[in-house]
Amino acid sequence: MPIPTQTAAVESGRLLLADIVYERLMAVIVSGELAPGEVVREEEIGAWLSVSRTPVRDAMRRLGDQDLLTYQPNRGSRVAPLDPDHLRDVLDVVATLSAQAAGRAADRLSAADLALVEAHVAQAVAAHDQGEGVERAVELDAALDVLLERAGNRVLSRTVHAMRPHVDRLLGLLPGYPGTDVVRERTDAFVAALRTSDPEVVRDAVRGLVTELGQGLTSEAVRRGLAV
């Protein structure tokens, strides 16, 4: 596998080494720096981050549990391919749970919460305009995380966070897609819905945002041969 270039050795601190390795590997998978189907070798990851193979193995196991890495006997681990059917299943779950959380949070959002969501959405649109797919994903996730936190259901939140990297991969691999007009229309509708504080309106808007953006990205990934 090509050694990623965006980061260097990990530093010891409060987080476990395996957690840091997991986050670094997740980042390069979501960004596409480690492409779908790319071989991932424990020894190369260890050399890249200057850690032993034990935290690398733990991190790779976690990524495997999330279906972001696949393992085949005698062939080792690879970055999971983008499977359209799997992506559609993930989108259905992420959209449903995110919408459920948004409905619960709708009338709990403070003015500061709403301002924070709007700021993240504005940054996401700006990142989209600049062709920065990963930053777009980061900011959209941050906006939705405000709603997940206010919903107050930790199990729901953990489930969404575990599955959302599959959606983020699409956002990272297809920067600039769909067109800016489409992105602005969906995000404007999302923000307008939040301002109503109506649980049903907010729930529908979040489901629409995740579903329509995700389905469009999936179809485009198939068209470009990225998802097979």
C-alpha atoms as a PDB file:
ATOM      1  CA  MET A   1       0.000   0.000   0.000  1.00  0.00           C
ATOM      2  CA  PRO A   2       1.209   3.595  -0.542  1.00  0.00           C
ATOM      3  CA  ILE A   3       2.273   5.160   2.748  1.00  0.00           C
ATOM      4  CA  PRO A   4      -0.069   8.092   3.514  1.00  0.00           C
ATOM      5  CA  THR A   5       1.587  11.486   3.584  1.00  0.00           C
ATOM      6  CA  GLN A   6      -0.798  13.590   5.639  1.00  0.00           C
ATOM      7  CA  THR A   7       0.457  12.737   9.106  1.00  0.00           C
ATOM      8  CA  ALA A   8       3.467  11.465  11.010  1.00  0.00           C
ATOM      9  CA  ALA A   9       4.165   9.476  14.157  1.00  0.00           C
ATOM     10  CA  VAL A  10       1.538   9.441  16.868  1.00  0.00           C
ATOM     11  CA  GLU A  11       2.192  11.127  20.187  1.00  0.00           C
ATOM     12  CA  SER A  12       1.445   9.458  23.478  1.00  0.00           C
ATOM     13  CA  GLY A  13      -1.226  11.097  25.586  1.00  0.00           C
ATOM     14  CA  ARG A  14      -4.645  10.533  27.040  1.00  0.00           C
ATOM     15  CA  LEU A  15      -5.936   8.461  24.142  1.00  0.00           C
ATOM     16  CA  LEU A  16      -4.880   4.851  23.761  1.00  0.00           C
ATOM     17  CA  LEU A  17      -2.515   4.216  20.883  1.00  0.00           C
ATOM     18  CA  ALA A  18      -5.083   1.939  19.264  1.00  0.00           C
ATOM     19  CA  ASP A  19      -7.620   4.791  19.323  1.00  0.00           C
ATOM     20  CA  ILE A  20      -5.167   7.159  17.649  1.00  0.00           C
ATOM     21  CA  VAL A  21      -4.219   4.594  15.004  1.00  0.00           C
ATOM     22  CA  TYR A  22      -7.913   3.939  14.407  1.00  0.00           C
ATOM     23  CA  GLU A  23      -8.616   7.640  13.882  1.00  0.00           C
ATOM     24  CA  ARG A  24      -5.653   8.076  11.530  1.00  0.00           C
ATOM     25  CA  LEU A  25      -6.602   5.039   9.468  1.00  0.00           C
ATOM     26  CA  MET A  26     -10.231   6.118   9.389  1.00  0.00           C
ATOM     27  CA  ALA A  27      -9.169   9.538   8.099  1.00  0.00           C
ATOM     28  CA  VAL A  28      -7.155   8.198   5.164  1.00  0.00           C
ATOM     29  CA  ILE A  29      -9.877   5.689   4.253  1.00  0.00           C
ATOM     30  CA  VAL A  30     -12.610   8.346   4.297  1.00  0.00           C
ATOM     31  CA  SER A  31     -10.456  10.781   2.301  1.00  0.00           C
ATOM     32  CA  GLY A  32      -9.700   8.148  -0.323  1.00  0.00           C
ATOM     33  CA  GLU A  33      -5.952   8.393   0.246  1.00  0.00           C
ATOM     34  CA  LEU A  34      -6.270   4.678   0.894  1.00  0.00           C
ATOM     35  CA  ALA A  35      -8.503   3.781  -2.024  1.00  0.00           C
ATOM     36  CA  PRO A  36     -11.169   1.068  -2.123  1.00  0.00           C
ATOM     37  CA  GLY A  37      -9.441  -2.282  -2.595  1.00  0.00           C
ATOM     38  CA  GLU A  38      -6.059  -0.994  -1.388  1.00  0.00           C
ATOM     39  CA  VAL A  39      -4.008  -3.541   0.567  1.00  0.00           C
ATOM     40  CA  VAL A  40      -3.411  -2.490   4.190  1.00  0.00           C
ATOM     41  CA  ARG A  41      -0.427  -4.114   5.906  1.00  0.00           C
ATOM     42  CA  GLU A  42       0.097  -3.977   9.660  1.00  0.00           C
ATOM     43  CA  GLU A  43       3.846  -3.485   9.359  1.00  0.00           C
ATOM     44  CA  GLU A  44       3.488  -0.550   6.955  1.00  0.00           C
ATOM     45  CA  ILE A  45       0.921   1.183   9.139  1.00  0.00           C
ATOM     46  CA  GLY A  46       3.176   0.624  12.154  1.00  0.00           C
ATOM     47  CA  ALA A  47       6.138   2.161  10.305  1.00  0.00           C
ATOM     48  CA  TRP A  48       4.038   5.098   9.111  1.00  0.00           C
ATOM     49  CA  LEU A  49       2.856   5.949  12.631  1.00  0.00           C
ATOM     50  CA  SER A  50       5.920   4.654  14.519  1.00  0.00           C
ATOM     51  CA  VAL A  51       3.927   2.242  16.663  1.00  0.00           C
ATOM     52  CA  SER A  52       4.053  -1.487  17.294  1.00  0.00           C
ATOM     53  CA  ARG A  53       1.802  -3.889  15.451  1.00  0.00           C
ATOM     54  CA  THR A  54      -0.467  -4.473  18.476  1.00  0.00           C
ATOM     55  CA  PRO A  55      -2.339  -1.122  18.359  1.00  0.00           C
ATOM     56  CA  VAL A  56      -2.412  -1.372  14.567  1.00  0.00           C
ATOM     57  CA  ARG A  57      -4.010  -4.808  14.780  1.00  0.00           C
ATOM     58  CA  ASP A  58      -6.591  -3.530  17.288  1.00  0.00           C
ATOM     59  CA  ALA A  59      -7.437  -0.538  15.094  1.00  0.00           C
ATOM     60  CA  MET A  60      -7.752  -2.685  11.975  1.00  0.00           C
ATOM     61  CA  ARG A  61     -10.049  -5.085  13.806  1.00  0.00           C
ATOM     62  CA  ARG A  62     -12.371  -2.203  14.726  1.00  0.00           C
ATOM     63  CA  LEU A  63     -12.395  -0.959  11.138  1.00  0.00           C
ATOM     64  CA  GLY A  64     -13.182  -4.487  10.025  1.00  0.00           C
ATOM     65  CA  ASP A  65     -16.109  -4.609  12.440  1.00  0.00           C
ATOM     66  CA  GLN A  66     -17.418  -1.472  10.714  1.00  0.00           C
ATOM     67  CA  ASP A  67     -17.015  -3.059   7.265  1.00  0.00           C
ATOM     68  CA  LEU A  68     -14.415  -0.467   6.290  1.00  0.00           C
ATOM     69  CA  LEU A  69     -11.682  -3.103   5.999  1.00  0.00           C
ATOM     70  CA  THR A  70     -12.092  -6.616   4.667  1.00  0.00           C
ATOM     71  CA  TYR A  71      -9.907  -9.636   5.385  1.00  0.00           C
ATOM     72  CA  GLN A  72      -9.326 -12.671   3.212  1.00  0.00           C
ATOM     73  CA  PRO A  73      -7.102 -15.613   4.197  1.00  0.00           C
ATOM     74  CA  ASN A  74      -3.749 -15.553   2.377  1.00  0.00           C
ATOM     75  CA  ARG A  75      -4.572 -12.161   0.900  1.00  0.00           C
ATOM     76  CA  GLY A  76      -4.593  -9.971   3.994  1.00  0.00           C
ATOM     77  CA  SER A  77      -6.616  -6.848   4.683  1.00  0.00           C
ATOM     78  CA  ARG A  78      -7.895  -4.389   2.127  1.00  0.00           C
ATOM     79  CA  VAL A  79      -9.910  -1.205   2.198  1.00  0.00           C
ATOM     80  CA  ALA A  80     -13.490  -2.316   1.667  1.00  0.00           C
ATOM     81  CA  PRO A  81     -14.857  -1.713  -1.816  1.00  0.00           C
ATOM     82  CA  LEU A  82     -17.790   0.600  -2.298  1.00  0.00           C
ATOM     83  CA  ASP A  83     -20.707  -1.763  -2.731  1.00  0.00           C
ATOM     84  CA  PRO A  84     -23.843   0.041  -3.979  1.00  0.00           C
ATOM     85  CA  ASP A  85     -26.271  -2.298  -2.207  1.00  0.00           C
ATOM     86  CA  HIS A  86     -24.393  -1.980   1.081  1.00  0.00           C
ATOM     87  CA  LEU A  87     -24.242   1.795   0.706  1.00  0.00           C
ATOM     88  CA  ARG A  88     -27.996   1.980   0.147  1.00  0.00           C
ATOM     89  CA  ASP A  89     -28.610  -0.139   3.253  1.00  0.00           C
ATOM     90  CA  VAL A  90     -26.306   2.098   5.293  1.00  0.00           C
ATOM     91  CA  LEU A  91     -27.984   5.240   3.968  1.00  0.00           C
ATOM     92  CA  ASP A  92     -31.396   3.900   4.943  1.00  0.00           C
ATOM     93  CA  VAL A  93     -30.242   3.298   8.519  1.00  0.00           C
ATOM     94  CA  VAL A  94     -28.293   6.556   8.874  1.00  0.00           C
ATOM     95  CA  ALA A  95     -31.134   8.608   7.392  1.00  0.00           C
ATOM     96  CA  THR A  96     -33.764   6.929   9.571  1.00  0.00           C
ATOM     97  CA  LEU A  97     -31.827   7.258  12.828  1.00  0.00           C
ATOM     98  CA  SER A  98     -30.587  10.788  12.084  1.00  0.00           C
ATOM     99  CA  ALA A  99     -34.159  11.833  11.325  1.00  0.00           C
ATOM    100  CA  GLN A 100     -35.394  10.232  14.532  1.00  0.00           C
ATOM    101  CA  ALA A 101     -32.757  12.090  16.540  1.00  0.00           C
ATOM    102  CA  ALA A 102     -33.569  15.352  14.768  1.00  0.00           C
ATOM    103  CA  GLY A 103     -37.266  14.981  15.585  1.00  0.00           C
ATOM    104  CA  ARG A 104     -36.453  14.486  19.258  1.00  0.00           C
ATOM    105  CA  ALA A 105     -34.093  17.465  19.277  1.00  0.00           C
ATOM    106  CA  ALA A 106     -36.313  19.850  17.295  1.00  0.00           C
ATOM    107  CA  ASP A 107     -37.911  21.662  20.227  1.00  0.00           C
ATOM    108  CA  ARG A 108     -34.844  21.364  22.473  1.00  0.00           C
ATOM    109  CA  LEU A 109     -32.483  23.459  20.378  1.00  0.00           C
ATOM    110  CA  SER A 110     -31.389  26.741  21.900  1.00  0.00           C
ATOM    111  CA  ALA A 111     -30.571  29.835  19.870  1.00  0.00           C
ATOM    112  CA  ALA A 112     -26.891  28.967  20.378  1.00  0.00           C
ATOM    113  CA  ASP A 113     -27.473  25.440  19.108  1.00  0.00           C
ATOM    114  CA  LEU A 114     -29.196  26.724  15.992  1.00  0.00           C
ATOM    115  CA  ALA A 115     -26.436  29.241  15.367  1.00  0.00           C
ATOM    116  CA  LEU A 116     -23.841  26.471  15.695  1.00  0.00           C
ATOM    117  CA  VAL A 117     -25.691  24.243  13.235  1.00  0.00           C
ATOM    118  CA  GLU A 118     -26.004  27.098  10.758  1.00  0.00           C
ATOM    119  CA  ALA A 119     -22.282  27.867  11.075  1.00  0.00           C
ATOM    120  CA  HIS A 120     -21.339  24.254  10.354  1.00  0.00           C
ATOM    121  CA  VAL A 121     -23.718  24.128   7.385  1.00  0.00           C
ATOM    122  CA  ALA A 122     -22.225  27.343   5.986  1.00  0.00           C
ATOM    123  CA  GLN A 123     -18.730  25.853   6.331  1.00  0.00           C
ATOM    124  CA  ALA A 124     -19.904  22.658   4.625  1.00  0.00           C
ATOM    125  CA  VAL A 125     -21.254  24.601   1.654  1.00  0.00           C
ATOM    126  CA  ALA A 126     -18.041  26.646   1.455  1.00  0.00           C
ATOM    127  CA  ALA A 127     -15.985  23.440   1.497  1.00  0.00           C
ATOM    128  CA  HIS A 128     -18.189  22.027  -1.248  1.00  0.00           C
ATOM    129  CA  ASP A 129     -17.631  25.132  -3.380  1.00  0.00           C
ATOM    130  CA  GLN A 130     -13.866  24.724  -2.926  1.00  0.00           C
ATOM    131  CA  GLY A 131     -13.911  21.044  -3.850  1.00  0.00           C
ATOM    132  CA  GLU A 132     -12.917  19.909  -0.349  1.00  0.00           C
ATOM    133  CA  GLY A 133     -14.899  16.703   0.031  1.00  0.00           C
ATOM    134  CA  VAL A 134     -13.522  15.609   3.396  1.00  0.00           C
ATOM    135  CA  GLU A 135     -14.031  19.013   5.008  1.00  0.00           C
ATOM    136  CA  ARG A 136     -17.571  19.032   3.626  1.00  0.00           C
ATOM    137  CA  ALA A 137     -18.207  15.712   5.379  1.00  0.00           C
ATOM    138  CA  VAL A 138     -16.658  16.942   8.635  1.00  0.00           C
ATOM    139  CA  GLU A 139     -18.864  20.034   8.748  1.00  0.00           C
ATOM    140  CA  LEU A 140     -22.083  18.249   7.820  1.00  0.00           C
ATOM    141  CA  ASP A 141     -21.361  15.635  10.487  1.00  0.00           C
ATOM    142  CA  ALA A 142     -20.729  18.380  13.032  1.00  0.00           C
ATOM    143  CA  ALA A 143     -24.073  20.014  12.203  1.00  0.00           C
ATOM    144  CA  LEU A 144     -25.938  16.729  12.645  1.00  0.00           C
ATOM    145  CA  ASP A 145     -23.983  15.956  15.816  1.00  0.00           C
ATOM    146  CA  VAL A 146     -25.603  18.957  17.505  1.00  0.00           C
ATOM    147  CA  LEU A 147     -28.972  17.292  16.932  1.00  0.00           C
ATOM    148  CA  LEU A 148     -27.711  13.887  18.056  1.00  0.00           C
ATOM    149  CA  GLU A 149     -26.444  15.398  21.304  1.00  0.00           C
ATOM    150  CA  ARG A 150     -29.690  17.227  22.009  1.00  0.00           C
ATOM    151  CA  ALA A 151     -31.702  14.072  21.260  1.00  0.00           C
ATOM    152  CA  GLY A 152     -30.075  12.507  24.320  1.00  0.00           C
ATOM    153  CA  ASN A 153     -30.031   8.896  23.093  1.00  0.00           C
ATOM    154  CA  ARG A 154     -26.484   7.586  23.376  1.00  0.00           C
ATOM    155  CA  VAL A 155     -27.256   4.240  21.747  1.00  0.00           C
ATOM    156  CA  LEU A 156     -28.760   5.965  18.720  1.00  0.00           C
ATOM    157  CA  SER A 157     -25.787   8.332  18.557  1.00  0.00           C
ATOM    158  CA  ARG A 158     -23.224   5.518  18.732  1.00  0.00           C
ATOM    159  CA  THR A 159     -25.007   3.612  15.982  1.00  0.00           C
ATOM    160  CA  VAL A 160     -25.041   6.607  13.646  1.00  0.00           C
ATOM    161  CA  HIS A 161     -21.386   7.383  14.344  1.00  0.00           C
ATOM    162  CA  ALA A 162     -20.412   3.787  13.613  1.00  0.00           C
ATOM    163  CA  MET A 163     -22.137   3.754  10.217  1.00  0.00           C
ATOM    164  CA  ARG A 164     -21.641   7.320   9.035  1.00  0.00           C
ATOM    165  CA  PRO A 165     -18.042   6.837   7.786  1.00  0.00           C
ATOM    166  CA  HIS A 166     -19.477   4.936   4.810  1.00  0.00           C
ATOM    167  CA  VAL A 167     -21.411   8.053   3.821  1.00  0.00           C
ATOM    168  CA  ASP A 168     -18.371  10.232   4.536  1.00  0.00           C
ATOM    169  CA  ARG A 169     -16.318   8.118   2.108  1.00  0.00           C
ATOM    170  CA  LEU A 170     -18.693   9.116  -0.666  1.00  0.00           C
ATOM    171  CA  LEU A 171     -18.412  12.777   0.319  1.00  0.00           C
ATOM    172  CA  GLY A 172     -14.621  12.492   0.381  1.00  0.00           C
ATOM    173  CA  LEU A 173     -14.257  10.606  -2.906  1.00  0.00           C
ATOM    174  CA  LEU A 174     -16.652  12.838  -4.862  1.00  0.00           C
ATOM    175  CA  PRO A 175     -15.740  16.437  -3.999  1.00  0.00           C
ATOM    176  CA  GLY A 176     -17.842  19.000  -5.802  1.00  0.00           C
ATOM    177  CA  TYR A 177     -20.695  16.570  -6.439  1.00  0.00           C
ATOM    178  CA  PRO A 178     -23.617  17.201  -6.713  1.00  0.00           C
ATOM    179  CA  GLY A 179     -23.813  20.733  -8.083  1.00  0.00           C
ATOM    180  CA  THR A 180     -23.702  23.701  -5.750  1.00  0.00           C
ATOM    181  CA  ASP A 181     -27.350  24.592  -6.446  1.00  0.00           C
ATOM    182  CA  VAL A 182     -28.483  21.160  -5.240  1.00  0.00           C
ATOM    183  CA  VAL A 183     -26.348  21.320  -2.097  1.00  0.00           C
ATOM    184  CA  ARG A 184     -27.586  24.800  -1.243  1.00  0.00           C
ATOM    185  CA  GLU A 185     -31.213  23.822  -1.817  1.00  0.00           C
ATOM    186  CA  ARG A 186     -30.993  20.818   0.530  1.00  0.00           C
ATOM    187  CA  THR A 187     -29.008  22.592   3.245  1.00  0.00           C
ATOM    188  CA  ASP A 188     -31.228  25.687   3.099  1.00  0.00           C
ATOM    189  CA  ALA A 189     -34.279  23.445   3.528  1.00  0.00           C
ATOM    190  CA  PHE A 190     -32.583  21.754   6.482  1.00  0.00           C
ATOM    191  CA  VAL A 191     -31.827  25.051   8.240  1.00  0.00           C
ATOM    192  CA  ALA A 192     -35.305  26.432   7.507  1.00  0.00           C
ATOM    193  CA  ALA A 193     -36.867  23.307   8.996  1.00  0.00           C
ATOM    194  CA  LEU A 194     -34.820  23.667  12.187  1.00  0.00           C
ATOM    195  CA  ARG A 195     -36.094  27.205  12.634  1.00  0.00           C
ATOM    196  CA  THR A 196     -39.675  25.908  12.821  1.00  0.00           C
ATOM    197  CA  SER A 197     -38.918  23.729  15.882  1.00  0.00           C
ATOM    198  CA  ASP A 198     -41.560  21.356  14.504  1.00  0.00           C
ATOM    199  CA  PRO A 199     -40.439  17.744  15.110  1.00  0.00           C
ATOM    200  CA  GLU A 200     -42.161  16.351  12.013  1.00  0.00           C
ATOM    201  CA  VAL A 201     -40.836  19.082   9.721  1.00  0.00           C
ATOM    202  CA  VAL A 202     -37.305  18.699  11.093  1.00  0.00           C
ATOM    203  CA  ARG A 203     -37.457  14.918  10.870  1.00  0.00           C
ATOM    204  CA  ASP A 204     -38.515  15.025   7.213  1.00  0.00           C
ATOM    205  CA  ALA A 205     -35.864  17.599   6.338  1.00  0.00           C
ATOM    206  CA  VAL A 206     -33.032  15.578   7.858  1.00  0.00           C
ATOM    207  CA  ARG A 207     -34.185  12.373   6.207  1.00  0.00           C
ATOM    208  CA  GLY A 208     -34.392  14.213   2.896  1.00  0.00           C
ATOM    209  CA  LEU A 209     -30.930  15.729   3.277  1.00  0.00           C
ATOM    210  CA  VAL A 210     -29.204  12.445   4.093  1.00  0.00           C
ATOM    211  CA  THR A 211     -31.199  10.304   1.658  1.00  0.00           C
ATOM    212  CA  GLU A 212     -31.083  12.553  -1.400  1.00  0.00           C
ATOM    213  CA  LEU A 213     -27.447  13.529  -0.984  1.00  0.00           C
ATOM    214  CA  GLY A 214     -26.417   9.941  -0.263  1.00  0.00           C
ATOM    215  CA  GLN A 215     -28.409   8.410  -3.109  1.00  0.00           C
ATOM    216  CA  GLY A 216     -27.053  10.948  -5.570  1.00  0.00           C
ATOM    217  CA  LEU A 217     -23.483  10.295  -4.471  1.00  0.00           C
ATOM    218  CA  THR A 218     -23.991   6.535  -4.669  1.00  0.00           C
ATOM    219  CA  SER A 219     -25.341   6.756  -8.210  1.00  0.00           C
ATOM    220  CA  GLU A 220     -22.449   8.980  -9.244  1.00  0.00           C
ATOM    221  CA  ALA A 221     -19.925   6.594  -7.670  1.00  0.00           C
ATOM    222  CA  VAL A 222     -21.439   3.776  -9.712  1.00  0.00           C
ATOM    223  CA  ARG A 223     -21.341   5.875 -12.876  1.00  0.00           C
ATOM    224  CA  ARG A 224     -17.646   6.632 -12.349  1.00  0.00           C
ATOM    225  CA  GLY A 225     -16.824   3.021 -11.587  1.00  0.00           C
ATOM    226  CA  LEU A 226     -15.900   3.754  -7.958  1.00  0.00           C
ATOM    227  CA  ALA A 227     -18.711   1.589  -6.583  1.00  0.00           C
ATOM    228  CA  VAL A 228     -19.260  -1.870  -8.044  1.00  0.00           C
END
